[in-house]
Amino acid sequence: MKKMKNVTKLRNDIPDPTDFELGLWETVDELVELLLSKHKDYGPRNIADAPGGAINGLRVRIHDKTARINNLYDSIRDMAPEHESFEDSFKDLANYAIIALLVLRGKWDK
């Protein structure tokens, strides 16, 4: 069995966490839950078998998500997006970055 760093222990080692630190851990927890949930739905092959390779597939997804954020921000700044919130878009970007790190480290399922 592989040994993982105990994230809960790391979190609990902070004696008097600031609002920033608490917010960081909450956000990381949300990202982990979302990525694990989406990974169950999509599986690993949508990334692993992307045309041009996994990193290229992630580049395309990151570009598309960034273009969407820019378009929404520039065009409907004062209105809520119709299909996906800015927060959802930024969560996806963060998780794409995490997936890219897993791919680079050889830890993404094939």
N, C-alpha and C. Protein backbone atom coordinates (compact mmCIF):
# COMPACT_ATOMS: atom_id res chain seq x y z
N MET A 1 0.84 -1.18 0.00
CA MET A 1 0.00 0.00 0.00
C MET A 1 0.89 1.25 0.00
N LYS A 2 0.55 2.20 -0.85
CA LYS A 2 1.33 3.43 -0.93
C LYS A 2 1.03 4.31 0.27
N LYS A 3 2.06 4.98 0.74
CA LYS A 3 1.89 5.89 1.87
C LYS A 3 1.62 7.29 1.33
N MET A 4 0.57 7.91 1.84
CA MET A 4 0.22 9.27 1.45
C MET A 4 0.43 10.19 2.64
N LYS A 5 0.74 11.44 2.34
CA LYS A 5 0.81 12.43 3.40
C LYS A 5 -0.58 12.58 3.98
N ASN A 6 -0.65 12.70 5.27
CA ASN A 6 -1.94 12.86 5.92
C ASN A 6 -2.32 14.34 5.89
N VAL A 7 -3.19 14.68 4.94
CA VAL A 7 -3.59 16.06 4.75
C VAL A 7 -4.32 16.59 5.98
N THR A 8 -5.13 15.76 6.60
CA THR A 8 -5.85 16.19 7.80
C THR A 8 -4.86 16.55 8.90
N LYS A 9 -3.82 15.75 9.05
CA LYS A 9 -2.81 16.04 10.07
C LYS A 9 -2.12 17.36 9.75
N LEU A 10 -1.76 17.55 8.46
CA LEU A 10 -1.12 18.81 8.09
C LEU A 10 -2.02 20.00 8.43
N ARG A 11 -3.28 19.85 8.13
CA ARG A 11 -4.26 20.90 8.42
C ARG A 11 -4.36 21.14 9.92
N ASN A 12 -4.38 20.07 10.68
CA ASN A 12 -4.54 20.19 12.13
C ASN A 12 -3.27 20.70 12.81
N ASP A 13 -2.13 20.67 12.11
CA ASP A 13 -0.88 21.17 12.67
C ASP A 13 -0.81 22.69 12.70
N ILE A 14 -1.75 23.36 12.06
CA ILE A 14 -1.77 24.82 12.08
C ILE A 14 -2.42 25.24 13.40
N PRO A 15 -1.64 25.87 14.30
CA PRO A 15 -2.16 26.15 15.64
C PRO A 15 -3.36 27.10 15.66
N ASP A 16 -3.26 28.24 15.08
CA ASP A 16 -4.35 29.22 15.03
C ASP A 16 -4.56 29.62 13.59
N PRO A 17 -5.31 28.82 12.83
CA PRO A 17 -5.44 29.10 11.40
C PRO A 17 -6.13 30.43 11.14
N THR A 18 -5.61 31.13 10.14
CA THR A 18 -6.23 32.39 9.72
C THR A 18 -7.43 32.07 8.83
N ASP A 19 -8.22 33.10 8.55
CA ASP A 19 -9.33 32.91 7.61
C ASP A 19 -8.82 32.43 6.26
N PHE A 20 -7.67 32.97 5.84
CA PHE A 20 -7.08 32.54 4.58
C PHE A 20 -6.76 31.05 4.61
N GLU A 21 -6.11 30.58 5.67
CA GLU A 21 -5.74 29.17 5.77
C GLU A 21 -6.98 28.27 5.81
N LEU A 22 -7.98 28.67 6.57
CA LEU A 22 -9.22 27.89 6.62
C LEU A 22 -9.89 27.87 5.24
N GLY A 23 -9.93 29.03 4.60
CA GLY A 23 -10.52 29.11 3.27
C GLY A 23 -9.75 28.27 2.26
N LEU A 24 -8.44 28.26 2.39
CA LEU A 24 -7.61 27.44 1.50
C LEU A 24 -7.95 25.96 1.65
N TRP A 25 -8.03 25.48 2.88
CA TRP A 25 -8.35 24.07 3.10
C TRP A 25 -9.76 23.73 2.63
N GLU A 26 -10.71 24.63 2.86
CA GLU A 26 -12.08 24.40 2.37
C GLU A 26 -12.10 24.29 0.85
N THR A 27 -11.37 25.18 0.20
CA THR A 27 -11.33 25.19 -1.26
C THR A 27 -10.66 23.94 -1.80
N VAL A 28 -9.55 23.55 -1.19
CA VAL A 28 -8.86 22.33 -1.63
C VAL A 28 -9.77 21.12 -1.45
N ASP A 29 -10.48 21.06 -0.33
CA ASP A 29 -11.42 19.96 -0.11
C ASP A 29 -12.49 19.91 -1.20
N GLU A 30 -13.04 21.08 -1.56
CA GLU A 30 -14.04 21.15 -2.63
C GLU A 30 -13.47 20.66 -3.95
N LEU A 31 -12.25 21.09 -4.26
CA LEU A 31 -11.62 20.69 -5.52
C LEU A 31 -11.40 19.18 -5.57
N VAL A 32 -10.94 18.61 -4.46
CA VAL A 32 -10.71 17.17 -4.40
C VAL A 32 -12.01 16.41 -4.61
N GLU A 33 -13.06 16.81 -3.90
CA GLU A 33 -14.36 16.13 -4.04
C GLU A 33 -14.87 16.22 -5.47
N LEU A 34 -14.76 17.40 -6.07
CA LEU A 34 -15.23 17.59 -7.45
C LEU A 34 -14.42 16.75 -8.43
N LEU A 35 -13.10 16.75 -8.28
CA LEU A 35 -12.26 15.99 -9.20
C LEU A 35 -12.52 14.49 -9.08
N LEU A 36 -12.63 14.00 -7.86
CA LEU A 36 -12.92 12.57 -7.67
C LEU A 36 -14.28 12.20 -8.27
N SER A 37 -15.27 13.05 -8.09
CA SER A 37 -16.60 12.80 -8.63
C SER A 37 -16.58 12.79 -10.16
N LYS A 38 -15.94 13.79 -10.75
CA LYS A 38 -15.88 13.85 -12.21
C LYS A 38 -15.04 12.71 -12.78
N HIS A 39 -14.00 12.33 -12.05
CA HIS A 39 -13.16 11.21 -12.51
C HIS A 39 -13.96 9.92 -12.59
N LYS A 40 -14.90 9.75 -11.65
CA LYS A 40 -15.77 8.56 -11.70
C LYS A 40 -16.66 8.60 -12.94
N ASP A 41 -17.16 9.78 -13.29
CA ASP A 41 -18.03 9.92 -14.47
C ASP A 41 -17.26 9.77 -15.79
N TYR A 42 -16.13 10.46 -15.88
CA TYR A 42 -15.39 10.51 -17.15
C TYR A 42 -14.41 9.36 -17.30
N GLY A 43 -13.82 8.91 -16.20
CA GLY A 43 -12.75 7.94 -16.28
C GLY A 43 -11.46 8.63 -16.72
N PRO A 44 -10.37 7.87 -16.80
CA PRO A 44 -9.08 8.48 -17.13
C PRO A 44 -8.83 8.66 -18.62
N ARG A 45 -9.54 7.93 -19.45
CA ARG A 45 -9.20 7.88 -20.87
C ARG A 45 -9.49 9.19 -21.61
N ASN A 46 -10.44 9.99 -21.12
CA ASN A 46 -10.72 11.25 -21.81
C ASN A 46 -9.49 12.16 -21.78
N ILE A 47 -8.64 11.99 -20.79
CA ILE A 47 -7.39 12.74 -20.71
C ILE A 47 -6.26 11.92 -21.34
N ALA A 48 -6.12 10.69 -20.91
CA ALA A 48 -5.00 9.85 -21.34
C ALA A 48 -4.98 9.65 -22.86
N ASP A 49 -6.14 9.54 -23.47
CA ASP A 49 -6.21 9.26 -24.91
C ASP A 49 -6.52 10.49 -25.75
N ALA A 50 -6.32 11.67 -25.21
CA ALA A 50 -6.63 12.90 -25.95
C ALA A 50 -5.74 12.98 -27.19
N PRO A 51 -6.30 13.50 -28.31
CA PRO A 51 -5.48 13.68 -29.52
C PRO A 51 -4.26 14.55 -29.20
N GLY A 52 -3.09 14.08 -29.58
CA GLY A 52 -1.87 14.81 -29.29
C GLY A 52 -1.30 14.53 -27.91
N GLY A 53 -1.97 13.68 -27.16
CA GLY A 53 -1.48 13.32 -25.83
C GLY A 53 -2.22 14.04 -24.72
N ALA A 54 -1.99 13.56 -23.52
CA ALA A 54 -2.72 14.07 -22.35
C ALA A 54 -2.48 15.56 -22.12
N ILE A 55 -1.23 15.99 -22.18
CA ILE A 55 -0.93 17.40 -21.92
C ILE A 55 -1.55 18.28 -22.99
N ASN A 56 -1.51 17.85 -24.23
CA ASN A 56 -2.15 18.63 -25.29
C ASN A 56 -3.65 18.74 -25.05
N GLY A 57 -4.28 17.63 -24.68
CA GLY A 57 -5.71 17.67 -24.38
C GLY A 57 -6.03 18.63 -23.25
N LEU A 58 -5.17 18.66 -22.24
CA LEU A 58 -5.36 19.59 -21.12
C LEU A 58 -5.15 21.03 -21.57
N ARG A 59 -4.17 21.25 -22.45
CA ARG A 59 -3.95 22.61 -22.99
C ARG A 59 -5.21 23.12 -23.68
N VAL A 60 -5.84 22.25 -24.45
CA VAL A 60 -7.06 22.64 -25.17
C VAL A 60 -8.17 22.96 -24.17
N ARG A 61 -8.36 22.10 -23.17
CA ARG A 61 -9.41 22.33 -22.17
C ARG A 61 -9.16 23.63 -21.41
N ILE A 62 -7.90 23.85 -21.02
CA ILE A 62 -7.55 25.07 -20.28
C ILE A 62 -7.77 26.30 -21.15
N HIS A 63 -7.38 26.21 -22.42
CA HIS A 63 -7.60 27.34 -23.33
C HIS A 63 -9.09 27.63 -23.48
N ASP A 64 -9.88 26.60 -23.72
CA ASP A 64 -11.33 26.78 -23.88
C ASP A 64 -11.96 27.39 -22.64
N LYS A 65 -11.58 26.89 -21.47
CA LYS A 65 -12.16 27.39 -20.22
C LYS A 65 -11.75 28.84 -19.98
N THR A 66 -10.49 29.17 -20.26
CA THR A 66 -10.02 30.54 -20.10
C THR A 66 -10.71 31.48 -21.08
N ALA A 67 -10.89 31.04 -22.31
CA ALA A 67 -11.58 31.85 -23.31
C ALA A 67 -13.02 32.10 -22.89
N ARG A 68 -13.66 31.09 -22.32
CA ARG A 68 -15.05 31.23 -21.85
C ARG A 68 -15.13 32.25 -20.72
N ILE A 69 -14.21 32.14 -19.76
CA ILE A 69 -14.18 33.08 -18.64
C ILE A 69 -13.97 34.50 -19.17
N ASN A 70 -13.02 34.67 -20.07
CA ASN A 70 -12.75 36.00 -20.62
C ASN A 70 -13.96 36.56 -21.36
N ASN A 71 -14.61 35.74 -22.16
CA ASN A 71 -15.78 36.19 -22.90
C ASN A 71 -16.90 36.60 -21.94
N LEU A 72 -17.17 35.77 -20.96
CA LEU A 72 -18.22 36.11 -20.00
C LEU A 72 -17.88 37.36 -19.21
N TYR A 73 -16.65 37.45 -18.78
CA TYR A 73 -16.25 38.62 -18.00
C TYR A 73 -16.35 39.90 -18.82
N ASP A 74 -15.90 39.83 -20.06
CA ASP A 74 -15.91 41.02 -20.92
C ASP A 74 -17.31 41.40 -21.39
N SER A 75 -18.20 40.41 -21.53
CA SER A 75 -19.49 40.71 -22.14
C SER A 75 -20.66 40.81 -21.17
N ILE A 76 -20.67 40.01 -20.12
CA ILE A 76 -21.84 40.04 -19.22
C ILE A 76 -21.41 40.13 -17.76
N ARG A 77 -20.48 40.98 -17.51
CA ARG A 77 -19.90 41.12 -16.17
C ARG A 77 -20.95 41.27 -15.07
N ASP A 78 -22.02 41.98 -15.36
CA ASP A 78 -23.03 42.26 -14.34
C ASP A 78 -24.14 41.23 -14.27
N MET A 79 -24.08 40.22 -15.13
CA MET A 79 -25.13 39.20 -15.14
C MET A 79 -24.52 37.85 -14.78
N ALA A 80 -25.35 36.97 -14.30
CA ALA A 80 -24.88 35.62 -14.00
C ALA A 80 -24.80 34.83 -15.31
N PRO A 81 -23.74 34.04 -15.49
CA PRO A 81 -23.68 33.19 -16.67
C PRO A 81 -24.87 32.22 -16.70
N GLU A 82 -25.29 31.86 -17.88
CA GLU A 82 -26.48 31.02 -18.02
C GLU A 82 -26.24 29.55 -17.69
N HIS A 83 -25.05 29.04 -18.00
CA HIS A 83 -24.85 27.59 -17.86
C HIS A 83 -23.83 27.18 -16.81
N GLU A 84 -22.92 28.02 -16.48
CA GLU A 84 -21.87 27.63 -15.54
C GLU A 84 -21.34 28.89 -14.87
N SER A 85 -21.25 28.88 -13.56
CA SER A 85 -20.81 30.08 -12.84
C SER A 85 -19.31 30.30 -13.02
N PHE A 86 -18.88 31.51 -12.72
CA PHE A 86 -17.45 31.80 -12.75
C PHE A 86 -16.72 30.88 -11.78
N GLU A 87 -17.31 30.65 -10.61
CA GLU A 87 -16.68 29.77 -9.62
C GLU A 87 -16.50 28.36 -10.19
N ASP A 88 -17.52 27.84 -10.86
CA ASP A 88 -17.40 26.52 -11.47
C ASP A 88 -16.27 26.49 -12.50
N SER A 89 -16.18 27.54 -13.29
CA SER A 89 -15.13 27.60 -14.31
C SER A 89 -13.74 27.62 -13.69
N PHE A 90 -13.58 28.39 -12.61
CA PHE A 90 -12.28 28.45 -11.96
C PHE A 90 -11.95 27.14 -11.23
N LYS A 91 -12.95 26.47 -10.70
CA LYS A 91 -12.71 25.14 -10.10
C LYS A 91 -12.21 24.18 -11.17
N ASP A 92 -12.84 24.22 -12.35
CA ASP A 92 -12.39 23.35 -13.44
C ASP A 92 -10.95 23.65 -13.83
N LEU A 93 -10.60 24.94 -13.93
CA LEU A 93 -9.22 25.31 -14.26
C LEU A 93 -8.24 24.77 -13.22
N ALA A 94 -8.58 24.93 -11.95
CA ALA A 94 -7.70 24.43 -10.88
C ALA A 94 -7.53 22.92 -11.00
N ASN A 95 -8.62 22.22 -11.26
CA ASN A 95 -8.52 20.77 -11.37
C ASN A 95 -7.78 20.34 -12.63
N TYR A 96 -7.90 21.09 -13.73
CA TYR A 96 -7.09 20.77 -14.91
C TYR A 96 -5.60 20.90 -14.58
N ALA A 97 -5.24 21.90 -13.79
CA ALA A 97 -3.84 22.05 -13.39
C ALA A 97 -3.39 20.87 -12.53
N ILE A 98 -4.25 20.43 -11.63
CA ILE A 98 -3.93 19.26 -10.79
C ILE A 98 -3.77 18.02 -11.67
N ILE A 99 -4.67 17.84 -12.62
CA ILE A 99 -4.57 16.69 -13.52
C ILE A 99 -3.26 16.76 -14.30
N ALA A 100 -2.89 17.95 -14.78
CA ALA A 100 -1.63 18.10 -15.52
C ALA A 100 -0.44 17.69 -14.65
N LEU A 101 -0.45 18.07 -13.39
CA LEU A 101 0.64 17.66 -12.50
C LEU A 101 0.66 16.14 -12.33
N LEU A 102 -0.52 15.54 -12.19
CA LEU A 102 -0.58 14.08 -12.07
C LEU A 102 -0.05 13.40 -13.34
N VAL A 103 -0.40 13.94 -14.50
CA VAL A 103 0.10 13.39 -15.77
C VAL A 103 1.62 13.51 -15.81
N LEU A 104 2.15 14.69 -15.51
CA LEU A 104 3.59 14.92 -15.56
C LEU A 104 4.34 14.03 -14.59
N ARG A 105 3.72 13.72 -13.48
CA ARG A 105 4.35 12.88 -12.45
C ARG A 105 4.11 11.39 -12.68
N GLY A 106 3.38 11.06 -13.76
CA GLY A 106 3.10 9.66 -14.06
C GLY A 106 2.09 9.03 -13.12
N LYS A 107 1.21 9.83 -12.55
CA LYS A 107 0.25 9.31 -11.57
C LYS A 107 -1.18 9.36 -12.07
N TRP A 108 -1.38 9.74 -13.33
CA TRP A 108 -2.72 9.74 -13.91
C TRP A 108 -3.00 8.35 -14.44
N ASP A 109 -4.20 7.82 -14.15
CA ASP A 109 -4.58 6.50 -14.64
C ASP A 109 -4.51 6.47 -16.17
N LYS A 110 -4.17 5.31 -16.69
CA LYS A 110 -4.11 5.17 -18.15
C LYS A 110 -5.24 4.33 -18.66
